[in-house]
């Protein structure tokens, strides 16, 4: 699809998508971790001790 566009626009779109991906990478994991860490678990995830 990008091959059908002018090279100037193709580079612009590619760089824009890279910047968007980097932004998601930097902010998605910490935000998910903080939200999941603030909720108390309803069911214990620990395994029972082995005999």
PDB file of N, CA and C in Angstrom:
ATOM      1  N   UNK A   1       0.817  -1.188   0.000  1.00  0.00           N
ATOM      2  CA  UNK A   1       0.000   0.000   0.000  1.00  0.00           C
ATOM      3  C   UNK A   1       0.860   1.251   0.000  1.00  0.00           C
ATOM      4  N   UNK A   2       1.936   1.210   0.801  1.00  0.00           N
ATOM      5  CA  UNK A   2       2.804   2.389   0.844  1.00  0.00           C
ATOM      6  C   UNK A   2       3.569   2.578  -0.461  1.00  0.00           C
ATOM      7  N   UNK A   3       3.711   1.516  -1.226  1.00  0.00           N
ATOM      8  CA  UNK A   3       4.431   1.641  -2.493  1.00  0.00           C
ATOM      9  C   UNK A   3       3.658   2.462  -3.518  1.00  0.00           C
ATOM     10  N   UNK A   4       2.345   2.539  -3.363  1.00  0.00           N
ATOM     11  CA  UNK A   4       1.540   3.301  -4.297  1.00  0.00           C
ATOM     12  C   UNK A   4       1.580   4.803  -4.014  1.00  0.00           C
ATOM     13  N   UNK A   5       2.045   5.190  -2.829  1.00  0.00           N
ATOM     14  CA  UNK A   5       2.104   6.601  -2.457  1.00  0.00           C
ATOM     15  C   UNK A   5       3.428   7.217  -2.891  1.00  0.00           C
ATOM     16  N   UNK A   6       3.463   8.527  -2.851  1.00  0.00           N
ATOM     17  CA  UNK A   6       4.704   9.259  -3.079  1.00  0.00           C
ATOM     18  C   UNK A   6       5.675   8.913  -1.943  1.00  0.00           C
ATOM     19  N   UNK A   7       6.960   8.886  -2.205  1.00  0.00           N
ATOM     20  CA  UNK A   7       7.951   8.493  -1.205  1.00  0.00           C
ATOM     21  C   UNK A   7       7.928   9.430  -0.004  1.00  0.00           C
ATOM     22  N   UNK A   8       7.622  10.707  -0.220  1.00  0.00           N
ATOM     23  CA  UNK A   8       7.560  11.676   0.873  1.00  0.00           C
ATOM     24  C   UNK A   8       6.453  11.292   1.859  1.00  0.00           C
ATOM     25  N   UNK A   9       5.290  10.936   1.340  1.00  0.00           N
ATOM     26  CA  UNK A   9       4.186  10.560   2.204  1.00  0.00           C
ATOM     27  C   UNK A   9       4.407   9.195   2.845  1.00  0.00           C
ATOM     28  N   UNK A  10       5.045   8.299   2.132  1.00  0.00           N
ATOM     29  CA  UNK A  10       5.330   6.974   2.679  1.00  0.00           C
ATOM     30  C   UNK A  10       6.274   7.085   3.878  1.00  0.00           C
ATOM     31  N   UNK A  11       7.300   7.913   3.767  1.00  0.00           N
ATOM     32  CA  UNK A  11       8.231   8.120   4.881  1.00  0.00           C
ATOM     33  C   UNK A  11       7.519   8.790   6.043  1.00  0.00           C
ATOM     34  N   UNK A  12       6.665   9.769   5.748  1.00  0.00           N
ATOM     35  CA  UNK A  12       5.909  10.463   6.793  1.00  0.00           C
ATOM     36  C   UNK A  12       5.025   9.479   7.558  1.00  0.00           C
ATOM     37  N   UNK A  13       4.337   8.609   6.847  1.00  0.00           N
ATOM     38  CA  UNK A  13       3.458   7.630   7.496  1.00  0.00           C
ATOM     39  C   UNK A  13       4.276   6.631   8.305  1.00  0.00           C
ATOM     40  N   UNK A  14       5.388   6.168   7.762  1.00  0.00           N
ATOM     41  CA  UNK A  14       6.224   5.193   8.469  1.00  0.00           C
ATOM     42  C   UNK A  14       6.802   5.782   9.752  1.00  0.00           C
ATOM     43  N   UNK A  15       7.296   7.013   9.676  1.00  0.00           N
ATOM     44  CA  UNK A  15       7.857   7.662  10.870  1.00  0.00           C
ATOM     45  C   UNK A  15       6.764   7.918  11.895  1.00  0.00           C
ATOM     46  N   UNK A  16       5.592   8.321  11.444  1.00  0.00           N
ATOM     47  CA  UNK A  16       4.478   8.551  12.362  1.00  0.00           C
ATOM     48  C   UNK A  16       4.083   7.275  13.085  1.00  0.00           C
ATOM     49  N   UNK A  17       4.030   6.157  12.369  1.00  0.00           N
ATOM     50  CA  UNK A  17       3.692   4.890  12.995  1.00  0.00           C
ATOM     51  C   UNK A  17       4.770   4.428  13.972  1.00  0.00           C
ATOM     52  N   UNK A  18       6.034   4.695  13.662  1.00  0.00           N
ATOM     53  CA  UNK A  18       7.111   4.339  14.587  1.00  0.00           C
ATOM     54  C   UNK A  18       7.010   5.148  15.870  1.00  0.00           C
ATOM     55  N   UNK A  19       6.744   6.442  15.753  1.00  0.00           N
ATOM     56  CA  UNK A  19       6.606   7.290  16.942  1.00  0.00           C
ATOM     57  C   UNK A  19       5.410   6.843  17.770  1.00  0.00           C
ATOM     58  N   UNK A  20       4.321   6.507  17.120  1.00  0.00           N
ATOM     59  CA  UNK A  20       3.142   6.020  17.825  1.00  0.00           C
ATOM     60  C   UNK A  20       3.434   4.710  18.547  1.00  0.00           C
ATOM     61  N   UNK A  21       4.144   3.809  17.903  1.00  0.00           N
ATOM     62  CA  UNK A  21       4.504   2.537  18.529  1.00  0.00           C
ATOM     63  C   UNK A  21       5.417   2.708  19.724  1.00  0.00           C
ATOM     64  N   UNK A  22       6.377   3.611  19.619  1.00  0.00           N
ATOM     65  CA  UNK A  22       7.271   3.872  20.750  1.00  0.00           C
ATOM     66  C   UNK A  22       6.486   4.454  21.918  1.00  0.00           C
ATOM     67  N   UNK A  23       5.558   5.356  21.619  1.00  0.00           N
ATOM     68  CA  UNK A  23       4.728   5.935  22.684  1.00  0.00           C
ATOM     69  C   UNK A  23       3.894   4.888  23.388  1.00  0.00           C
ATOM     70  N   UNK A  24       3.272   3.995  22.621  1.00  0.00           N
ATOM     71  CA  UNK A  24       2.508   2.919  23.235  1.00  0.00           C
ATOM     72  C   UNK A  24       3.409   2.013  24.060  1.00  0.00           C
ATOM     73  N   UNK A  25       4.595   1.741  23.576  1.00  0.00           N
ATOM     74  CA  UNK A  25       5.518   0.870  24.297  1.00  0.00           C
ATOM     75  C   UNK A  25       5.962   1.441  25.625  1.00  0.00           C
ATOM     76  N   UNK A  26       6.202   2.746  25.668  1.00  0.00           N
ATOM     77  CA  UNK A  26       6.663   3.377  26.904  1.00  0.00           C
ATOM     78  C   UNK A  26       5.554   3.542  27.936  1.00  0.00           C
ATOM     79  N   UNK A  27       4.326   3.759  27.509  1.00  0.00           N
ATOM     80  CA  UNK A  27       3.278   4.103  28.460  1.00  0.00           C
ATOM     81  C   UNK A  27       2.269   2.990  28.710  1.00  0.00           C
ATOM     82  N   UNK A  28       2.161   2.014  27.852  1.00  0.00           N
ATOM     83  CA  UNK A  28       1.157   0.977  28.035  1.00  0.00           C
ATOM     84  C   UNK A  28       1.497   0.050  29.202  1.00  0.00           C
ATOM     85  N   UNK A  29       2.699  -0.440  29.265  1.00  0.00           N
ATOM     86  CA  UNK A  29       3.071  -1.384  30.322  1.00  0.00           C
ATOM     87  C   UNK A  29       3.046  -0.751  31.719  1.00  0.00           C
ATOM     88  N   UNK A  30       3.615   0.426  31.940  1.00  0.00           N
ATOM     89  CA  UNK A  30       3.536   1.016  33.292  1.00  0.00           C
ATOM     90  C   UNK A  30       2.101   1.338  33.705  1.00  0.00           C
ATOM     91  N   UNK A  31       1.284   1.821  32.782  1.00  0.00           N
ATOM     92  CA  UNK A  31      -0.099   2.134  33.130  1.00  0.00           C
ATOM     93  C   UNK A  31      -0.874   0.874  33.467  1.00  0.00           C
ATOM     94  N   UNK A  32      -0.678  -0.190  32.710  1.00  0.00           N
ATOM     95  CA  UNK A  32      -1.353  -1.454  32.995  1.00  0.00           C
ATOM     96  C   UNK A  32      -0.897  -2.004  34.339  1.00  0.00           C
ATOM     97  N   UNK A  33       0.384  -1.908  34.615  1.00  0.00           N
ATOM     98  CA  UNK A  33       0.926  -2.413  35.873  1.00  0.00           C
ATOM     99  C   UNK A  33       0.360  -1.638  37.059  1.00  0.00           C
ATOM    100  N   UNK A  34       0.247  -0.329  36.946  1.00  0.00           N
ATOM    101  CA  UNK A  34      -0.267   0.460  38.064  1.00  0.00           C
ATOM    102  C   UNK A  34      -1.750   0.202  38.296  1.00  0.00           C
ATOM    103  N   UNK A  35      -2.516   0.026  37.232  1.00  0.00           N
ATOM    104  CA  UNK A  35      -3.947  -0.256  37.388  1.00  0.00           C
ATOM    105  C   UNK A  35      -4.146  -1.633  37.983  1.00  0.00           C
ATOM    106  N   UNK A  36      -3.452  -2.642  37.485  1.00  0.00           N
ATOM    107  CA  UNK A  36      -3.616  -3.997  37.998  1.00  0.00           C
ATOM    108  C   UNK A  36      -3.079  -4.123  39.426  1.00  0.00           C
ATOM    109  N   UNK A  37      -2.063  -3.337  39.755  1.00  0.00           N
ATOM    110  CA  UNK A  37      -1.514  -3.389  41.105  1.00  0.00           C
ATOM    111  C   UNK A  37      -2.396  -2.724  42.135  1.00  0.00           C
ATOM    112  N   UNK A  38      -3.283  -1.829  41.712  1.00  0.00           N
ATOM    113  CA  UNK A  38      -4.139  -1.132  42.662  1.00  0.00           C
ATOM    114  C   UNK A  38      -5.389  -1.923  43.012  1.00  0.00           C
ATOM    115  N   UNK A  39      -5.671  -2.993  42.290  1.00  0.00           N
ATOM    116  CA  UNK A  39      -6.865  -3.811  42.551  1.00  0.00           C
ATOM    117  C   UNK A  39      -6.474  -4.988  43.427  1.00  0.00           C
ATOM    118  N   UNK A  40      -7.256  -5.214  44.474  1.00  0.00           N
ATOM    119  CA  UNK A  40      -6.965  -6.356  45.337  1.00  0.00           C
ATOM    120  C   UNK A  40      -7.485  -7.625  44.676  1.00  0.00           C
ATOM    121  N   UNK A  41      -6.719  -8.692  44.711  1.00  0.00           N
ATOM    122  CA  UNK A  41      -7.166  -9.936  44.067  1.00  0.00           C
ATOM    123  C   UNK A  41      -8.317 -10.574  44.854  1.00  0.00           C
ATOM    124  N   UNK A  42      -9.297 -11.087  44.133  1.00  0.00           N
ATOM    125  CA  UNK A  42     -10.427 -11.754  44.773  1.00  0.00           C
ATOM    126  C   UNK A  42     -10.112 -13.201  45.098  1.00  0.00           C
ATOM    127  N   UNK A  43      -9.302 -13.835  44.278  1.00  0.00           N
ATOM    128  CA  UNK A  43      -8.935 -15.234  44.462  1.00  0.00           C
ATOM    129  C   UNK A  43      -7.418 -15.314  44.582  1.00  0.00           C
ATOM    130  N   UNK A  44      -6.949 -16.047  45.543  1.00  0.00           N
ATOM    131  CA  UNK A  44      -5.509 -16.189  45.728  1.00  0.00           C
ATOM    132  C   UNK A  44      -4.918 -16.975  44.560  1.00  0.00           C
ATOM    133  N   UNK A  45      -3.816 -16.488  44.052  1.00  0.00           N
ATOM    134  CA  UNK A  45      -3.176 -17.156  42.928  1.00  0.00           C
ATOM    135  C   UNK A  45      -2.065 -18.103  43.381  1.00  0.00           C
ATOM    136  N   UNK A  46      -1.880 -18.206  44.689  1.00  0.00           N
ATOM    137  CA  UNK A  46      -0.833 -19.091  45.201  1.00  0.00           C
ATOM    138  C   UNK A  46      -1.308 -20.532  45.133  1.00  0.00           C
ATOM    139  N   UNK A  47      -0.397 -21.413  44.840  1.00  0.00           N
ATOM    140  CA  UNK A  47      -0.699 -22.844  44.803  1.00  0.00           C
ATOM    141  C   UNK A  47      -0.671 -23.402  46.225  1.00  0.00           C
ATOM    142  N   UNK A  48      -1.493 -24.404  46.496  1.00  0.00           N
ATOM    143  CA  UNK A  48      -1.426 -25.019  47.835  1.00  0.00           C
ATOM    144  C   UNK A  48      -0.102 -25.759  48.015  1.00  0.00           C
ATOM    145  N   UNK A  49       0.359 -25.876  49.225  1.00  0.00           N
ATOM    146  CA  UNK A  49       1.651 -26.562  49.428  1.00  0.00           C
ATOM    147  C   UNK A  49       1.570 -28.031  49.051  1.00  0.00           C
ATOM    148  N   UNK A  50       2.641 -28.512  48.485  1.00  0.00           N
ATOM    149  CA  UNK A  50       2.725 -29.921  48.070  1.00  0.00           C
ATOM    150  C   UNK A  50       3.083 -30.766  49.289  1.00  0.00           C
ATOM    151  N   UNK A  51       2.502 -31.961  49.387  1.00  0.00           N
ATOM    152  CA  UNK A  51       2.774 -32.846  50.533  1.00  0.00           C
ATOM    153  C   UNK A  51       3.939 -33.733  50.251  1.00  0.00           C
TER     154      UNK A  51
END
